[in-house]
Amino acid sequence: MSIEWSDLLEMLRSDWLYRNLTESKYSRIWKRHREDVSMDEHEFREFCYWARGEIGACRERGRIPDPAGYAHDTGYYYDETKDLYVIHLQSKKKPMSIPGDMWRSMKQSYSNWDGSPSSVNEVSRKFGLARTTVTELFRSMGMTHDSSPWSEEELNVTDERSLVEDLLRAKEERVLVKAERKEYRRVTKDAESFRRIDLLASRIAGRFSESAGVYEVPKLDLGPPEEDYALVMSPTDFHWGKRGANYDRRTAQKRLFSISERLLARVGRGGRPSKVIVALGGDGLHIDNMNSSTTRGTPQDCDGSPEDLAWSYVMMCRDYIDMVRQFAPVELFVIPGNHDRYSATLIRAALAGWFSMVDDVTVCQSYSNRQYITFGNSLVAFLHGDTGKVKDWPAIVAGEVPELWGATKWRFIFTGHLHTERELPTYGNVTVYRMPSLAGNDAWHERKGYKSRKALIGYMISEDRGVIGLHVEPVLEDD
């Protein structure tokens, strides 16, 4: 019987069946070629086991039973034992060897199976081959964008269910890769935007520092307080440049200065504070770009061009701090909001440059959404309030500034965003104050029916006892 099998092996050496005798799917091969081999299924299986050993032994000795080497109906030879493809390319003097894993990856990459095939140039870069080599290789292997993502050898030995599962897993991986690339592009874009705005902020600070000069602001004649305290003031959500019914920049500036003067006059009756902690920003500007829209692109109805709004806001903030510093030294913070997240950086830089030559104004140079200062036993945190949940803020603060948290007894969070005054629930020993806005309503707020008291609040913080008093100064009809 061995002689008969040897004869059969010799007869089939140039046939497609010969190349598949050593595959594991003997039953399927037999059904496809049973008329050619004249064997029942059991005998054919025994023949394949024998042939597999014969071919393996010859390969170990360095020769293949087929003296023609690669005489078959494809332009390549596949060595199953080594999982290696051998291809003759006209431009190459020697046969080109490609590992099976590499070829299968190239097919998946170039195939249009997911609707987004790689180009020849992309395949060349990914696998480190010359473009001409890849082009000739695909031509020789009969590979096009419309080809399946599997090699012929995979199709011959893999059942349909496994192929479907492989396709689903590969598609899932491709989706994840696309998502990661998109996220990487977003992170890169954000990083580049931050780099540009940081550079611009440095230039702005330098120019304002050069033009500021040295000048004195007269101090008000106030008596000493009963106990040392700091005053927190934050005209948050000022929305400079908002246009509404009977509301524009001139009205806004008049309102800010008149309300603040009345508030400081009331507080001053109790004596001069150690410092005034002023938090600007938090939607201080109504827009954030040249398109007159918010940071995320929501269009706004504005009282002026973007350039005019930005410049006039810086000048107004400068004059406002000069007014407040007559009362006491100023610790200045500029908090980014959802309307002015990027422009807040430039406003901070401009004010830092302008006040760089004076001793009684200190500008916090932080880009963070949350900014901190301590006074006595109190930790004071400022944030706009458009991100996260109130109940999570204490844990975020404790995680960001653990040293300040551990060194203080009282903790206070000041927020805005919703334009309403409210003392939110206390979490442990953390008190959250939501501050009101001085800004008038625009058409959108009128249409929604939003109504809230317009006011500015001053919070008195004792060195030892935390917040000990609030002074509320509401907007009157004349303001």
Foldseek 3Di string as FASTA:
>chain_A
DVVVLVVVLVVCLAPPVNLCLQAPPQQVSCVVCVVPVVDPSVVSVVSSVVSNVVQVVQVVVPDGPRPVVDNYDAQWDADVVQQWIWGDFPVDPGTDIDHNVLVLVLLQQQACPPPDHDDLVVNCVVVVHDSVVSVRVCVRRVHHNNDDSGDPVCVVRDDPVVVVVVVVVVVVVVVVVVVVVVVVVVVVVVVVVVVVLVVVLQVLLQVLLVPQDDDDQAADDFAAAPAAWEKEWEQALLAQFADADVDHNVVSLVQVVVQVVVLLVVVRNRTFHQEYEYEYALNNHNAADQQCFFPVRHHGDGDDGPVVRLVVSLVSVLVVQSVVVSRHQYEYEYAYHRRHLSSSSNSLSNNCSNCVPDDRYHYDNDSDQKDWDDAQQEIEIEHAPPDDDPQCVVVVVCVVCVVNVVSHDAYEYEYENVQAWDWDDDDPRYTYTYFHHQYDDHPVCVVVVDDYWHWIKMFIQGNHPGTDDIDIRTGDPVD
